[in-house]
Amino acid sequence: MRNVRVVYRKYDEKLHWHQWMEYLGEDQYGVWLGARANSVSQRGDEPEVTQEQAHVQLFSRDRGFTALFNDEPRSTEIYCDVTSAVEFGEDVFTMIDLDLDVIRKRDGRIYVDDEDEFAEHQVKYGYPADVIEQAQATADWLVTAVASEEPFLTVFKTYLDKVR
């Protein structure tokens, strides 16, 4: 079993969310990592958080996003972070969290979260125009994709089965 460190940073390089996950494989959608129930994650240097449910995460090789797929009973089924391109190291994946999140609840509701944070950080960190445009375009695409395209419909379930 190969473990990979997942490291999100903010635009100023400050450490954001990070955790260890198990490598599950790669397909046409990207690289898949998984974490079993009761795994831990941490935001910056805050106390660790125990994730009671199993979850898997997709790291796209050609789009600026990551997608987290939670097992039941978590009410958030899919949580997509709009990011910079993922940097794939042998045992660490790193990316910049660009604030915008696209969320699909288990009841089917889909929404964009943290638009206020995205607006604030454009000023605070001086996001370049191309970063702003790409982040918004990715969020817009994800809103549609999580409702109608793979791997958001059934593909993720085969990976989730591996960590249940």
N, C-alpha and C. Protein backbone atom coordinates (compact mmCIF):
# COMPACT_ATOMS: atom_id res chain seq x y z
N MET A 1 0.85 -1.18 0.00
CA MET A 1 0.00 0.00 0.00
C MET A 1 0.89 1.24 0.00
N ARG A 2 0.65 2.13 -0.93
CA ARG A 2 1.40 3.37 -1.04
C ARG A 2 0.57 4.51 -0.44
N ASN A 3 1.16 5.25 0.47
CA ASN A 3 0.47 6.40 1.06
C ASN A 3 1.00 7.68 0.44
N VAL A 4 0.09 8.63 0.29
CA VAL A 4 0.42 9.92 -0.33
C VAL A 4 -0.03 11.03 0.61
N ARG A 5 0.82 12.00 0.79
CA ARG A 5 0.47 13.18 1.59
C ARG A 5 -0.24 14.18 0.68
N VAL A 6 -1.40 14.62 1.09
CA VAL A 6 -2.18 15.61 0.35
C VAL A 6 -2.01 16.94 1.07
N VAL A 7 -1.53 17.95 0.34
CA VAL A 7 -1.25 19.24 0.96
C VAL A 7 -1.88 20.38 0.14
N TYR A 8 -2.87 21.01 0.75
CA TYR A 8 -3.48 22.22 0.17
C TYR A 8 -2.81 23.42 0.82
N ARG A 9 -2.50 24.40 0.00
CA ARG A 9 -1.98 25.67 0.50
C ARG A 9 -2.89 26.78 -0.01
N LYS A 10 -2.83 27.92 0.63
CA LYS A 10 -3.51 29.11 0.13
C LYS A 10 -2.56 29.83 -0.83
N TYR A 11 -3.05 30.85 -1.48
CA TYR A 11 -2.28 31.54 -2.52
C TYR A 11 -0.99 32.15 -1.98
N ASP A 12 -0.95 32.48 -0.69
CA ASP A 12 0.27 33.03 -0.08
C ASP A 12 1.21 31.91 0.41
N GLU A 13 0.91 30.67 0.02
CA GLU A 13 1.69 29.46 0.37
C GLU A 13 1.46 28.99 1.80
N LYS A 14 0.57 29.64 2.55
CA LYS A 14 0.28 29.20 3.91
C LYS A 14 -0.39 27.83 3.88
N LEU A 15 0.06 26.96 4.78
CA LEU A 15 -0.48 25.61 4.86
C LEU A 15 -1.97 25.66 5.17
N HIS A 16 -2.74 24.88 4.42
CA HIS A 16 -4.19 24.80 4.62
C HIS A 16 -4.50 23.36 5.04
N TRP A 17 -5.42 22.68 4.41
CA TRP A 17 -5.77 21.30 4.78
C TRP A 17 -4.68 20.34 4.31
N HIS A 18 -4.43 19.31 5.13
CA HIS A 18 -3.45 18.29 4.76
C HIS A 18 -3.79 16.98 5.47
N GLN A 19 -3.45 15.88 4.80
CA GLN A 19 -3.70 14.55 5.38
C GLN A 19 -2.95 13.50 4.57
N TRP A 20 -2.83 12.32 5.14
CA TRP A 20 -2.30 11.15 4.43
C TRP A 20 -3.47 10.36 3.87
N MET A 21 -3.29 9.86 2.63
CA MET A 21 -4.32 9.04 1.99
C MET A 21 -3.65 7.87 1.27
N GLU A 22 -4.42 6.86 0.99
CA GLU A 22 -3.95 5.65 0.33
C GLU A 22 -4.15 5.76 -1.19
N TYR A 23 -3.11 5.44 -1.94
CA TYR A 23 -3.21 5.45 -3.40
C TYR A 23 -4.11 4.30 -3.84
N LEU A 24 -5.13 4.61 -4.65
CA LEU A 24 -6.09 3.60 -5.12
C LEU A 24 -5.96 3.30 -6.60
N GLY A 25 -5.43 4.23 -7.38
CA GLY A 25 -5.29 3.99 -8.81
C GLY A 25 -5.48 5.26 -9.62
N GLU A 26 -5.40 5.08 -10.93
CA GLU A 26 -5.57 6.19 -11.85
C GLU A 26 -6.41 5.73 -13.03
N ASP A 27 -7.27 6.61 -13.50
CA ASP A 27 -8.08 6.34 -14.68
C ASP A 27 -8.14 7.60 -15.54
N GLN A 28 -9.06 7.64 -16.49
CA GLN A 28 -9.12 8.78 -17.40
C GLN A 28 -9.51 10.08 -16.69
N TYR A 29 -10.01 10.00 -15.46
CA TYR A 29 -10.43 11.19 -14.73
C TYR A 29 -9.31 11.77 -13.87
N GLY A 30 -8.33 10.96 -13.54
CA GLY A 30 -7.22 11.42 -12.72
C GLY A 30 -6.75 10.36 -11.75
N VAL A 31 -6.10 10.81 -10.69
CA VAL A 31 -5.55 9.92 -9.67
C VAL A 31 -6.51 9.88 -8.48
N TRP A 32 -6.74 8.68 -7.98
CA TRP A 32 -7.67 8.46 -6.88
C TRP A 32 -6.91 8.04 -5.62
N LEU A 33 -7.22 8.73 -4.52
CA LEU A 33 -6.70 8.37 -3.21
C LEU A 33 -7.87 8.11 -2.29
N GLY A 34 -7.66 7.33 -1.25
CA GLY A 34 -8.74 7.03 -0.33
C GLY A 34 -8.31 7.08 1.12
N ALA A 35 -9.29 7.24 1.99
CA ALA A 35 -9.07 7.23 3.44
C ALA A 35 -10.21 6.45 4.08
N ARG A 36 -9.84 5.58 4.97
CA ARG A 36 -10.85 4.76 5.67
C ARG A 36 -11.52 5.58 6.77
N ALA A 37 -12.62 5.07 7.26
CA ALA A 37 -13.32 5.72 8.37
C ALA A 37 -12.34 5.95 9.52
N ASN A 38 -12.53 7.06 10.21
CA ASN A 38 -11.72 7.46 11.36
C ASN A 38 -10.29 7.87 11.01
N SER A 39 -10.08 8.25 9.75
CA SER A 39 -8.80 8.84 9.38
C SER A 39 -8.77 10.28 9.90
N VAL A 40 -7.60 10.89 9.87
CA VAL A 40 -7.51 12.26 10.37
C VAL A 40 -7.03 13.20 9.27
N SER A 41 -7.47 14.44 9.37
CA SER A 41 -6.98 15.51 8.52
C SER A 41 -6.74 16.71 9.43
N GLN A 42 -6.07 17.71 8.88
CA GLN A 42 -5.71 18.85 9.72
C GLN A 42 -5.69 20.11 8.87
N ARG A 43 -6.19 21.20 9.42
CA ARG A 43 -6.12 22.50 8.75
C ARG A 43 -4.98 23.28 9.40
N GLY A 44 -3.95 23.57 8.59
CA GLY A 44 -2.79 24.29 9.11
C GLY A 44 -2.20 23.55 10.29
N ASP A 45 -2.01 24.28 11.40
CA ASP A 45 -1.48 23.65 12.61
C ASP A 45 -2.56 23.52 13.69
N GLU A 46 -3.83 23.61 13.26
CA GLU A 46 -4.94 23.40 14.19
C GLU A 46 -4.98 21.93 14.62
N PRO A 47 -5.75 21.61 15.64
CA PRO A 47 -5.86 20.20 16.06
C PRO A 47 -6.39 19.32 14.92
N GLU A 48 -5.97 18.07 14.92
CA GLU A 48 -6.45 17.11 13.92
C GLU A 48 -7.96 16.92 14.04
N VAL A 49 -8.58 16.62 12.90
CA VAL A 49 -10.01 16.35 12.84
C VAL A 49 -10.19 14.90 12.39
N THR A 50 -10.98 14.14 13.12
CA THR A 50 -11.25 12.75 12.73
C THR A 50 -12.41 12.73 11.75
N GLN A 51 -12.19 12.09 10.61
CA GLN A 51 -13.23 11.93 9.59
C GLN A 51 -13.92 10.59 9.84
N GLU A 52 -15.12 10.63 10.36
CA GLU A 52 -15.80 9.41 10.78
C GLU A 52 -16.15 8.50 9.61
N GLN A 53 -16.37 9.08 8.43
CA GLN A 53 -16.77 8.28 7.27
C GLN A 53 -15.57 8.06 6.35
N ALA A 54 -15.60 6.95 5.63
CA ALA A 54 -14.60 6.71 4.58
C ALA A 54 -14.83 7.75 3.48
N HIS A 55 -13.76 8.06 2.75
CA HIS A 55 -13.88 8.99 1.63
C HIS A 55 -12.77 8.74 0.63
N VAL A 56 -13.04 9.13 -0.60
CA VAL A 56 -12.03 9.06 -1.66
C VAL A 56 -11.90 10.43 -2.29
N GLN A 57 -10.74 10.65 -2.91
CA GLN A 57 -10.52 11.95 -3.52
C GLN A 57 -9.89 11.78 -4.89
N LEU A 58 -10.41 12.57 -5.82
CA LEU A 58 -9.92 12.58 -7.20
C LEU A 58 -9.05 13.82 -7.41
N PHE A 59 -7.88 13.59 -8.02
CA PHE A 59 -6.95 14.67 -8.36
C PHE A 59 -6.81 14.68 -9.87
N SER A 60 -7.40 15.69 -10.49
CA SER A 60 -7.40 15.80 -11.94
C SER A 60 -5.99 16.14 -12.45
N ARG A 61 -5.62 15.52 -13.56
CA ARG A 61 -4.33 15.83 -14.17
C ARG A 61 -4.43 16.99 -15.16
N ASP A 62 -5.66 17.35 -15.58
CA ASP A 62 -5.77 18.38 -16.61
C ASP A 62 -6.76 19.51 -16.31
N ARG A 63 -7.33 19.54 -15.12
CA ARG A 63 -8.24 20.62 -14.73
C ARG A 63 -7.89 21.07 -13.32
N GLY A 64 -8.17 22.31 -13.01
CA GLY A 64 -7.86 22.87 -11.71
C GLY A 64 -8.93 22.61 -10.67
N PHE A 65 -9.03 21.36 -10.22
CA PHE A 65 -9.95 21.02 -9.14
C PHE A 65 -9.54 19.70 -8.51
N THR A 66 -10.03 19.49 -7.30
CA THR A 66 -10.00 18.17 -6.67
C THR A 66 -11.43 17.88 -6.23
N ALA A 67 -11.77 16.61 -6.12
CA ALA A 67 -13.13 16.24 -5.72
C ALA A 67 -13.07 15.18 -4.63
N LEU A 68 -13.75 15.46 -3.54
CA LEU A 68 -13.83 14.56 -2.40
C LEU A 68 -15.21 13.92 -2.40
N PHE A 69 -15.25 12.59 -2.26
CA PHE A 69 -16.50 11.84 -2.28
C PHE A 69 -16.64 11.14 -0.93
N ASN A 70 -17.65 11.54 -0.16
CA ASN A 70 -17.86 11.01 1.19
C ASN A 70 -18.81 9.83 1.20
N ASP A 71 -18.50 8.86 2.05
CA ASP A 71 -19.41 7.74 2.29
C ASP A 71 -20.54 8.24 3.19
N GLU A 72 -21.60 7.46 3.24
CA GLU A 72 -22.69 7.76 4.15
C GLU A 72 -22.18 7.58 5.58
N PRO A 73 -22.71 8.23 6.55
CA PRO A 73 -23.94 9.03 6.52
C PRO A 73 -23.68 10.52 6.28
N ARG A 74 -22.46 10.92 5.96
CA ARG A 74 -22.15 12.35 5.78
C ARG A 74 -23.13 12.97 4.80
N SER A 75 -23.69 14.13 5.15
CA SER A 75 -24.70 14.77 4.30
C SER A 75 -24.10 15.38 3.04
N THR A 76 -22.81 15.73 3.07
CA THR A 76 -22.14 16.21 1.87
C THR A 76 -21.59 15.01 1.13
N GLU A 77 -22.16 14.73 -0.04
CA GLU A 77 -21.72 13.58 -0.82
C GLU A 77 -20.46 13.91 -1.61
N ILE A 78 -20.43 15.09 -2.26
CA ILE A 78 -19.29 15.49 -3.09
C ILE A 78 -18.89 16.91 -2.71
N TYR A 79 -17.58 17.10 -2.53
CA TYR A 79 -17.04 18.41 -2.19
C TYR A 79 -15.88 18.68 -3.12
N CYS A 80 -16.06 19.61 -4.04
CA CYS A 80 -15.01 19.93 -5.02
C CYS A 80 -14.34 21.25 -4.64
N ASP A 81 -13.04 21.23 -4.59
CA ASP A 81 -12.25 22.44 -4.38
C ASP A 81 -11.73 22.90 -5.73
N VAL A 82 -11.92 24.17 -6.05
CA VAL A 82 -11.29 24.76 -7.22
C VAL A 82 -9.86 25.10 -6.80
N THR A 83 -8.89 24.65 -7.59
CA THR A 83 -7.48 24.75 -7.20
C THR A 83 -6.61 25.15 -8.38
N SER A 84 -5.34 25.37 -8.08
CA SER A 84 -4.32 25.43 -9.13
C SER A 84 -4.15 24.01 -9.67
N ALA A 85 -3.36 23.85 -10.70
CA ALA A 85 -3.03 22.52 -11.18
C ALA A 85 -2.34 21.75 -10.04
N VAL A 86 -2.69 20.49 -9.90
CA VAL A 86 -2.08 19.66 -8.86
C VAL A 86 -0.64 19.34 -9.26
N GLU A 87 0.26 19.47 -8.31
CA GLU A 87 1.64 19.04 -8.50
C GLU A 87 1.75 17.64 -7.92
N PHE A 88 2.04 16.68 -8.81
CA PHE A 88 2.08 15.27 -8.41
C PHE A 88 3.52 14.85 -8.10
N GLY A 89 3.83 14.68 -6.83
CA GLY A 89 5.10 14.12 -6.42
C GLY A 89 4.94 12.63 -6.17
N GLU A 90 6.03 11.95 -5.90
CA GLU A 90 5.97 10.51 -5.65
C GLU A 90 5.11 10.19 -4.43
N ASP A 91 5.28 10.97 -3.35
CA ASP A 91 4.52 10.69 -2.14
C ASP A 91 3.84 11.93 -1.56
N VAL A 92 3.71 12.98 -2.38
CA VAL A 92 2.98 14.17 -1.94
C VAL A 92 2.32 14.84 -3.15
N PHE A 93 1.05 15.20 -2.98
CA PHE A 93 0.31 15.97 -3.99
C PHE A 93 0.06 17.34 -3.36
N THR A 94 0.42 18.40 -4.09
CA THR A 94 0.21 19.75 -3.57
C THR A 94 -0.56 20.59 -4.57
N MET A 95 -1.32 21.55 -4.04
CA MET A 95 -2.10 22.45 -4.87
C MET A 95 -2.45 23.69 -4.07
N ILE A 96 -2.84 24.74 -4.78
CA ILE A 96 -3.29 25.98 -4.15
C ILE A 96 -4.82 25.98 -4.17
N ASP A 97 -5.42 26.13 -3.00
CA ASP A 97 -6.87 26.22 -2.86
C ASP A 97 -7.29 27.63 -3.26
N LEU A 98 -8.10 27.72 -4.30
CA LEU A 98 -8.56 29.02 -4.81
C LEU A 98 -9.96 29.39 -4.29
N ASP A 99 -10.30 28.87 -3.14
CA ASP A 99 -11.45 29.29 -2.35
C ASP A 99 -12.80 28.74 -2.81
N LEU A 100 -13.11 28.80 -4.09
CA LEU A 100 -14.42 28.37 -4.55
C LEU A 100 -14.59 26.86 -4.36
N ASP A 101 -15.75 26.47 -3.85
CA ASP A 101 -16.07 25.06 -3.64
C ASP A 101 -17.42 24.78 -4.28
N VAL A 102 -17.53 23.64 -4.92
CA VAL A 102 -18.81 23.19 -5.46
C VAL A 102 -19.21 21.96 -4.66
N ILE A 103 -20.39 22.02 -4.08
CA ILE A 103 -20.84 20.99 -3.14
C ILE A 103 -22.12 20.35 -3.64
N ARG A 104 -22.16 19.01 -3.55
CA ARG A 104 -23.41 18.29 -3.80
C ARG A 104 -23.78 17.55 -2.53
N LYS A 105 -24.93 17.92 -1.99
CA LYS A 105 -25.45 17.26 -0.81
C LYS A 105 -26.07 15.93 -1.21
N ARG A 106 -26.22 15.06 -0.24
CA ARG A 106 -26.77 13.73 -0.52
C ARG A 106 -28.20 13.80 -1.04
N ASP A 107 -28.93 14.88 -0.73
CA ASP A 107 -30.30 15.04 -1.23
C ASP A 107 -30.35 15.60 -2.66
N GLY A 108 -29.15 15.83 -3.28
CA GLY A 108 -29.10 16.29 -4.65
C GLY A 108 -28.87 17.78 -4.84
N ARG A 109 -29.00 18.58 -3.77
CA ARG A 109 -28.75 20.02 -3.89
C ARG A 109 -27.30 20.27 -4.26
N ILE A 110 -27.09 21.22 -5.16
CA ILE A 110 -25.74 21.59 -5.61
C ILE A 110 -25.60 23.10 -5.46
N TYR A 111 -24.49 23.53 -4.90
CA TYR A 111 -24.27 24.97 -4.76
C TYR A 111 -22.78 25.29 -4.73
N VAL A 112 -22.48 26.57 -4.98
CA VAL A 112 -21.12 27.08 -4.91
C VAL A 112 -20.96 27.74 -3.54
N ASP A 113 -19.88 27.41 -2.86
CA ASP A 113 -19.61 27.95 -1.54
C ASP A 113 -18.34 28.81 -1.58
N ASP A 114 -18.25 29.72 -0.64
CA ASP A 114 -17.07 30.57 -0.42
C ASP A 114 -16.81 31.58 -1.53
N GLU A 115 -17.88 32.02 -2.19
CA GLU A 115 -17.72 33.08 -3.19
C GLU A 115 -17.23 34.38 -2.54
N ASP A 116 -17.66 34.62 -1.29
CA ASP A 116 -17.21 35.81 -0.56
C ASP A 116 -15.71 35.73 -0.28
N GLU A 117 -15.24 34.57 0.12
CA GLU A 117 -13.80 34.37 0.36
C GLU A 117 -13.00 34.54 -0.93
N PHE A 118 -13.53 34.04 -2.03
CA PHE A 118 -12.89 34.19 -3.33
C PHE A 118 -12.74 35.67 -3.68
N ALA A 119 -13.79 36.45 -3.46
CA ALA A 119 -13.74 37.89 -3.75
C ALA A 119 -12.73 38.60 -2.83
N GLU A 120 -12.74 38.26 -1.55
CA GLU A 120 -11.80 38.87 -0.61
C GLU A 120 -10.35 38.54 -0.97
N HIS A 121 -10.09 37.29 -1.31
CA HIS A 121 -8.73 36.87 -1.60
C HIS A 121 -8.20 37.39 -2.94
N GLN A 122 -9.10 37.73 -3.85
CA GLN A 122 -8.66 38.36 -5.10
C GLN A 122 -7.92 39.65 -4.77
N VAL A 123 -8.44 40.37 -3.79
CA VAL A 123 -7.82 41.63 -3.37
C VAL A 123 -6.63 41.36 -2.45
N LYS A 124 -6.85 40.55 -1.41
CA LYS A 124 -5.81 40.30 -0.41
C LYS A 124 -4.54 39.72 -1.02
N TYR A 125 -4.69 38.73 -1.92
CA TYR A 125 -3.53 38.05 -2.49
C TYR A 125 -3.17 38.53 -3.89
N GLY A 126 -4.02 39.38 -4.46
CA GLY A 126 -3.74 39.89 -5.79
C GLY A 126 -3.78 38.82 -6.87
N TYR A 127 -4.85 38.00 -6.83
CA TYR A 127 -4.98 36.97 -7.87
C TYR A 127 -4.89 37.62 -9.25
N PRO A 128 -4.07 37.08 -10.14
CA PRO A 128 -4.03 37.58 -11.52
C PRO A 128 -5.37 37.31 -12.23
N ALA A 129 -5.67 38.11 -13.25
CA ALA A 129 -6.93 37.98 -13.98
C ALA A 129 -7.13 36.58 -14.53
N ASP A 130 -6.07 35.94 -15.04
CA ASP A 130 -6.23 34.60 -15.61
C ASP A 130 -6.57 33.57 -14.54
N VAL A 131 -6.06 33.74 -13.34
CA VAL A 131 -6.39 32.83 -12.23
C VAL A 131 -7.86 32.99 -11.86
N ILE A 132 -8.32 34.23 -11.78
CA ILE A 132 -9.73 34.50 -11.46
C ILE A 132 -10.65 33.89 -12.52
N GLU A 133 -10.34 34.14 -13.77
CA GLU A 133 -11.17 33.63 -14.87
C GLU A 133 -11.20 32.11 -14.89
N GLN A 134 -10.04 31.48 -14.73
CA GLN A 134 -9.98 30.02 -14.76
C GLN A 134 -10.72 29.41 -13.58
N ALA A 135 -10.57 30.00 -12.40
CA ALA A 135 -11.26 29.49 -11.22
C ALA A 135 -12.77 29.58 -11.39
N GLN A 136 -13.25 30.71 -11.89
CA GLN A 136 -14.69 30.88 -12.08
C GLN A 136 -15.22 29.91 -13.14
N ALA A 137 -14.48 29.75 -14.23
CA ALA A 137 -14.89 28.83 -15.30
C ALA A 137 -14.93 27.39 -14.78
N THR A 138 -13.96 27.03 -13.95
CA THR A 138 -13.94 25.67 -13.39
C THR A 138 -15.13 25.46 -12.47
N ALA A 139 -15.42 26.43 -11.62
CA ALA A 139 -16.58 26.32 -10.73
C ALA A 139 -17.87 26.20 -11.53
N ASP A 140 -18.01 27.01 -12.57
CA ASP A 140 -19.21 26.95 -13.42
C ASP A 140 -19.36 25.57 -14.05
N TRP A 141 -18.25 25.02 -14.56
CA TRP A 141 -18.28 23.69 -15.16
C TRP A 141 -18.66 22.63 -14.12
N LEU A 142 -18.07 22.73 -12.93
CA LEU A 142 -18.34 21.73 -11.89
C LEU A 142 -19.81 21.72 -11.47
N VAL A 143 -20.45 22.87 -11.42
CA VAL A 143 -21.87 22.93 -11.03
C VAL A 143 -22.70 22.02 -11.94
N THR A 144 -22.41 22.04 -13.22
CA THR A 144 -23.12 21.17 -14.17
C THR A 144 -22.62 19.74 -14.09
N ALA A 145 -21.30 19.57 -14.04
CA ALA A 145 -20.69 18.24 -14.10
C ALA A 145 -21.09 17.35 -12.93
N VAL A 146 -21.15 17.90 -11.71
CA VAL A 146 -21.45 17.04 -10.56
C VAL A 146 -22.87 16.49 -10.62
N ALA A 147 -23.71 17.08 -11.45
CA ALA A 147 -25.09 16.60 -11.60
C ALA A 147 -25.28 15.69 -12.80
N SER A 148 -24.32 15.71 -13.74
CA SER A 148 -24.63 15.06 -15.02
C SER A 148 -23.50 14.28 -15.68
N GLU A 149 -22.29 14.30 -15.12
CA GLU A 149 -21.15 13.67 -15.79
C GLU A 149 -20.41 12.73 -14.86
N GLU A 150 -19.74 11.76 -15.45
CA GLU A 150 -18.80 10.95 -14.70
C GLU A 150 -17.54 11.77 -14.50
N PRO A 151 -16.85 11.54 -13.45
CA PRO A 151 -16.95 10.45 -12.47
C PRO A 151 -17.88 10.74 -11.30
N PHE A 152 -18.69 11.81 -11.44
CA PHE A 152 -19.53 12.27 -10.33
C PHE A 152 -20.82 11.48 -10.16
N LEU A 153 -21.13 10.58 -11.09
CA LEU A 153 -22.39 9.84 -11.02
C LEU A 153 -22.21 8.47 -10.39
N THR A 154 -21.34 7.63 -10.95
CA THR A 154 -21.18 6.28 -10.42
C THR A 154 -19.72 5.84 -10.28
N VAL A 155 -18.82 6.39 -11.08
CA VAL A 155 -17.42 5.93 -11.08
C VAL A 155 -16.81 6.01 -9.68
N PHE A 156 -17.06 7.09 -8.97
CA PHE A 156 -16.45 7.27 -7.65
C PHE A 156 -16.82 6.14 -6.70
N LYS A 157 -17.97 5.52 -6.89
CA LYS A 157 -18.44 4.48 -5.97
C LYS A 157 -17.53 3.25 -6.01
N THR A 158 -16.94 2.95 -7.16
CA THR A 158 -16.03 1.80 -7.24
C THR A 158 -14.79 2.03 -6.39
N TYR A 159 -14.33 3.29 -6.33
CA TYR A 159 -13.17 3.61 -5.50
C TYR A 159 -13.56 3.66 -4.02
N LEU A 160 -14.74 4.18 -3.73
CA LEU A 160 -15.20 4.23 -2.34
C LEU A 160 -15.33 2.82 -1.77
N ASP A 161 -15.76 1.87 -2.60
CA ASP A 161 -15.85 0.48 -2.15
C ASP A 161 -14.52 -0.06 -1.66
N LYS A 162 -13.42 0.46 -2.18
CA LYS A 162 -12.09 -0.02 -1.80
C LYS A 162 -11.65 0.41 -0.40
N VAL A 163 -12.30 1.44 0.15
CA VAL A 163 -11.88 1.92 1.47
C VAL A 163 -12.98 1.79 2.53
N ARG A 164 -14.06 1.17 2.17
CA ARG A 164 -15.14 0.97 3.16
C ARG A 164 -14.76 -0.10 4.15
